[in-house]
Protein backbone atom coordinates (compact mmCIF):
# COMPACT_ATOMS: atom_id res chain seq x y z
CA MET A 1 -62.87 -26.47 17.78
CA ILE A 2 -61.15 -24.79 14.92
CA ASN A 3 -57.25 -24.08 15.21
CA GLY A 4 -56.32 -21.08 13.01
CA ALA A 5 -52.18 -20.80 11.57
CA VAL A 6 -49.96 -18.49 9.52
CA HIS A 7 -47.48 -21.16 8.52
CA PHE A 8 -44.37 -19.00 7.24
CA THR A 9 -41.53 -20.24 4.95
CA GLU A 10 -38.63 -17.96 4.59
CA GLN A 11 -38.56 -18.78 0.69
CA GLY A 12 -40.12 -15.39 0.30
CA ILE A 13 -38.88 -12.42 2.86
CA VAL A 14 -35.77 -13.64 3.71
CA GLN A 15 -34.39 -13.71 -0.32
CA ASN A 16 -35.06 -10.84 -1.15
CA ILE A 17 -33.24 -9.66 1.64
CA ARG A 18 -30.46 -11.86 1.01
CA ALA A 19 -30.92 -10.56 -3.20
CA MET A 20 -31.05 -6.39 -1.51
CA ARG A 21 -27.39 -7.46 0.34
CA MET A 22 -26.27 -8.61 -3.03
CA GLN A 23 -27.03 -5.46 -5.22
CA THR A 24 -25.79 -3.32 -2.69
CA LEU A 25 -22.22 -5.66 -2.49
CA LEU A 26 -22.52 -5.13 -6.33
CA MET A 27 -22.78 -1.54 -6.69
CA GLY A 28 -20.39 -1.15 -3.47
CA ILE A 29 -18.22 -3.02 -6.42
CA ALA A 30 -19.11 -0.73 -8.96
CA ASN A 31 -17.61 2.46 -7.06
CA ASP A 32 -14.79 0.76 -6.21
CA ASN A 33 -14.21 0.69 -10.18
CA ILE A 34 -15.08 4.24 -10.53
CA THR A 35 -13.49 5.08 -8.45
CA GLY A 36 -10.04 3.76 -9.37
CA PHE A 37 -10.77 4.76 -12.81
CA ASP A 38 -7.77 7.28 -12.25
CA LYS A 39 -4.97 5.40 -9.64
CA ILE A 40 -2.07 4.48 -11.75
CA GLY A 41 -1.50 0.44 -11.59
CA TYR A 42 -5.46 -0.02 -10.12
CA GLN A 43 -7.47 -2.96 -11.24
CA ARG A 44 -10.47 -3.56 -12.41
CA LYS A 45 -12.65 -6.04 -9.84
CA VAL A 46 -14.90 -8.67 -11.53
CA PRO A 47 -17.95 -9.89 -9.26
CA VAL A 48 -18.25 -13.53 -9.64
CA ILE A 49 -21.38 -14.75 -8.47
CA SER A 50 -21.64 -18.72 -8.25
CA SER A 51 -24.68 -20.82 -7.61
CA PHE A 52 -27.48 -21.08 -5.42
CA ALA A 53 -26.86 -17.81 -4.37
CA GLU A 54 -31.02 -17.27 -4.00
CA PHE A 55 -29.90 -19.55 -1.16
CA ILE A 56 -26.54 -18.49 0.17
CA GLY A 57 -26.18 -14.80 -0.26
CA GLU A 58 -23.96 -12.63 0.13
CA ASP A 59 -21.36 -15.81 0.65
CA ALA A 60 -21.86 -16.88 -2.67
CA LEU A 61 -20.70 -13.51 -3.50
CA SER A 62 -16.36 -13.11 -4.96
CA THR A 63 -14.54 -10.90 -6.99
CA THR A 64 -11.42 -11.79 -9.51
CA THR A 65 -9.46 -9.44 -11.04
CA ASP A 66 -9.32 -7.75 -14.50
CA ASP A 67 -5.53 -8.40 -15.48
CA THR A 68 -5.68 -6.62 -19.03
CA VAL A 69 -3.25 -4.11 -19.31
CA GLY A 70 -4.54 -0.55 -18.43
CA ARG A 71 -3.84 2.58 -19.86
CA ILE A 72 -0.37 3.97 -20.80
CA GLY A 73 0.45 7.77 -20.76
CA LEU A 74 3.79 9.68 -21.02
CA THR A 75 5.10 10.89 -17.38
CA GLU A 76 8.68 11.91 -18.52
CA ASN A 77 10.21 10.85 -15.29
CA PRO A 78 13.06 8.61 -15.99
CA LEU A 79 11.86 5.89 -12.86
CA ASP A 80 7.99 5.87 -13.86
CA VAL A 81 8.32 2.30 -15.19
CA ALA A 82 4.98 0.61 -16.86
CA LEU A 83 4.24 -2.35 -18.23
CA ALA A 84 2.68 -3.18 -22.01
CA GLU A 85 2.04 -7.03 -21.02
CA LYS A 86 0.80 -8.99 -18.18
CA GLY A 87 2.36 -9.06 -14.98
CA TYR A 88 2.97 -6.97 -11.56
CA PHE A 89 6.41 -5.82 -10.51
CA GLN A 90 7.83 -7.58 -6.99
CA THR A 91 8.50 -5.75 -4.14
CA GLN A 92 8.91 -6.25 -0.18
CA SER A 93 8.18 -4.19 2.32
CA LYS A 94 7.91 -5.32 6.23
CA GLU A 95 4.88 -6.68 5.24
CA GLY A 96 6.29 -9.28 2.76
CA ILE A 97 6.66 -9.54 -0.77
CA LYS A 98 3.70 -7.98 -2.36
CA LEU A 99 2.48 -7.54 -5.59
CA THR A 100 1.84 -4.04 -7.98
CA ARG A 101 1.27 -2.49 -11.23
CA ASP A 102 2.35 0.23 -10.23
CA GLY A 103 5.72 1.47 -11.33
CA ARG A 104 6.30 5.40 -10.02
CA PHE A 105 9.83 4.26 -8.27
CA LYS A 106 12.18 6.76 -6.46
CA MET A 107 15.91 6.21 -5.29
CA ASP A 108 16.86 6.87 -2.00
CA LYS A 109 20.52 8.31 -0.98
CA ASN A 110 22.09 5.21 -0.86
CA GLY A 111 20.87 4.56 -4.92
CA ALA A 112 18.04 1.90 -3.82
CA ILE A 113 15.08 1.83 -5.67
CA LEU A 114 11.49 2.30 -4.10
CA THR A 115 8.58 2.36 -4.06
CA LEU A 116 5.88 5.72 -3.43
CA ASP A 117 5.34 3.32 -0.01
CA GLY A 118 9.04 3.23 0.49
CA ALA A 119 9.17 -0.80 -0.10
CA ASN A 120 12.52 -1.96 -1.44
CA VAL A 121 11.37 -3.10 -5.49
CA LEU A 122 13.15 -6.88 -6.37
CA THR A 123 15.81 -7.32 -8.45
CA ASN A 124 14.41 -11.39 -10.86
CA MET A 125 17.39 -12.48 -7.90
CA GLY A 126 14.44 -11.88 -5.50
CA THR A 127 16.99 -8.96 -4.37
CA PRO A 128 16.34 -5.49 -3.77
CA LEU A 129 17.39 -3.48 -6.73
CA VAL A 130 20.61 -0.90 -5.95
CA LEU A 131 22.21 0.76 -8.36
CA PRO A 132 26.66 0.56 -8.13
CA VAL A 133 27.32 4.37 -8.45
CA VAL A 134 24.70 7.36 -7.11
CA PRO A 135 23.85 9.34 -10.11
CA GLU A 136 24.20 12.35 -10.61
CA LYS A 137 20.43 13.25 -12.52
CA LEU A 138 18.19 10.26 -12.90
CA ASP A 139 17.83 10.60 -16.51
CA ASP A 140 21.65 8.42 -16.37
CA ILE A 141 19.23 5.85 -15.07
CA THR A 142 17.66 3.12 -18.13
CA ILE A 143 15.52 0.32 -18.28
CA ASP A 144 15.33 -1.60 -21.15
CA LEU A 145 11.74 -3.77 -22.15
CA ASN A 146 13.48 -6.72 -20.35
CA GLY A 147 13.76 -4.87 -16.94
CA VAL A 148 17.39 -4.35 -17.26
CA VAL A 149 18.11 -1.26 -15.29
CA ARG A 150 21.63 0.39 -16.30
CA VAL A 151 23.28 3.58 -14.47
CA LEU A 152 25.95 5.82 -16.10
CA ASN A 153 29.15 6.10 -13.70
CA ASN A 154 30.09 9.56 -14.78
CA LYS A 155 33.87 8.77 -13.36
CA THR A 156 34.50 6.06 -16.36
CA ASN A 157 31.50 7.41 -19.19
CA LYS A 158 29.95 4.02 -19.19
CA PHE A 159 27.23 2.07 -18.29
CA GLU A 160 26.59 -0.28 -15.23
CA THR A 161 24.37 -3.15 -14.95
CA ALA A 162 22.05 -2.78 -11.74
CA GLY A 163 19.69 -5.65 -12.43
CA THR A 164 16.79 -6.50 -14.47
CA LEU A 165 13.44 -6.03 -12.36
CA SER A 166 11.52 -8.79 -11.42
CA VAL A 167 8.13 -9.36 -13.32
CA VAL A 168 5.86 -12.10 -11.94
CA THR A 169 2.43 -13.00 -13.08
CA GLN A 170 -0.04 -13.47 -10.13
CA ASP A 171 1.28 -17.15 -8.78
CA GLY A 172 4.77 -15.85 -8.47
CA ARG A 173 6.26 -17.57 -12.05
CA ALA A 174 8.86 -14.84 -14.51
CA VAL A 175 7.27 -13.15 -16.84
CA LEU A 176 9.92 -13.44 -19.47
CA SER A 177 9.15 -10.75 -22.10
CA PRO A 178 7.38 -7.72 -19.71
CA ASN A 179 7.78 -4.78 -22.14
CA VAL A 180 8.68 -2.34 -19.69
CA ARG A 181 8.53 1.10 -20.36
CA GLN A 182 10.27 3.64 -18.69
CA ARG A 183 8.78 6.88 -18.49
CA TYR A 184 5.64 5.87 -18.88
CA ALA A 185 2.85 5.06 -16.27
CA GLU A 186 -0.10 2.80 -16.17
CA TYR A 187 -3.56 3.97 -14.94
CA SER A 188 -6.64 1.74 -14.78
CA ASN A 189 -8.00 -0.58 -16.77
CA VAL A 190 -11.10 0.52 -16.00
CA THR A 191 -13.79 1.45 -18.47
CA LEU A 192 -16.49 4.48 -16.86
CA GLU A 193 -18.95 3.60 -20.04
CA THR A 194 -18.97 -0.21 -18.45
CA GLU A 195 -19.01 0.65 -14.92
CA PHE A 196 -22.16 2.99 -15.71
CA MET A 197 -24.31 1.11 -17.61
CA GLU A 198 -23.07 -2.06 -14.74
CA ALA A 199 -24.44 0.61 -11.42
CA MET A 200 -27.09 1.95 -13.10
CA MET A 201 -28.87 -2.67 -13.02
CA TYR A 202 -28.40 -3.07 -9.31
CA PRO A 203 -30.20 0.03 -8.25
CA LYS A 204 -33.27 -1.08 -10.07
CA THR A 205 -32.70 -4.95 -9.17
CA PHE A 206 -32.71 -3.83 -5.38
CA GLU A 207 -36.65 -1.88 -5.99
CA ALA A 208 -37.23 -4.56 -7.71
CA ASN A 209 -36.43 -6.62 -4.30
CA ARG A 210 -37.87 -4.46 -1.87
CA GLN A 211 -41.32 -3.73 -3.57
CA LEU A 212 -41.50 -8.13 -2.86
CA TYR A 213 -40.31 -7.41 0.38
CA LEU A 214 -43.00 -4.83 1.37
CA ILE A 215 -45.63 -6.92 0.07
CA GLN A 216 -44.98 -10.20 1.37
CA ASN A 217 -44.00 -8.38 4.88
CA SER A 218 -47.99 -6.65 4.28
CA ASN A 219 -49.93 -10.42 3.43
CA LEU A 220 -47.95 -11.70 6.78
CA GLN A 221 -48.87 -8.57 9.01
CA ARG A 222 -52.22 -8.50 7.05
CA ALA A 223 -52.70 -12.65 8.04
CA ILE A 224 -51.69 -12.27 11.64
CA SER A 225 -54.22 -9.20 12.31
CA SER A 226 -57.21 -11.09 10.87
CA LEU A 227 -55.88 -14.19 13.67
CA SER A 228 -56.02 -12.31 16.76
CA SER A 229 -59.18 -10.20 15.17
């Protein structure tokens, strides 16, 4: 008696499925970057694929942040601040300390400087930035290249120092020369041409793996059908 059987290994079909899943995630990263093109302070996500991706699939994919300086545009708002160097503003909310490149700030009635989300902007001493006097107009606030914030006291007709903006690296080290630009906002560092070019490659690779999957699945079904007939 001759015994017939189909011996199946995962190397073909499963690897194609993993590859399709990987390309789907890569397309998602590219779409996030394209969506973030016009977002103030958005930094491009860069996909990083580790070794043996064909065996571990999507677990081999991670992202890192492109920390190059984005496009800086004039706004004329005295509380709009951009960093012309790498670094992040330190802010503190109920969720804890956070880092951001979005320097669009506002002032509350007590003279506290806040993010648009209401988080406190911190000084380099780790304390909330609060103006010593509440100015009559925002134009009375000055911020120099080092991030020193001063406000005009109309009673004495002198500027008083409120503190220095805390600008740090991703790992929390102080940036000594942050090159702070008052009345400017930083848009994303995304280049649409780059994102569209990469986004065009992922569907092609996805489709190639899908076709291989369909061919191997069809061959497997024919083999099983021939054994059962």
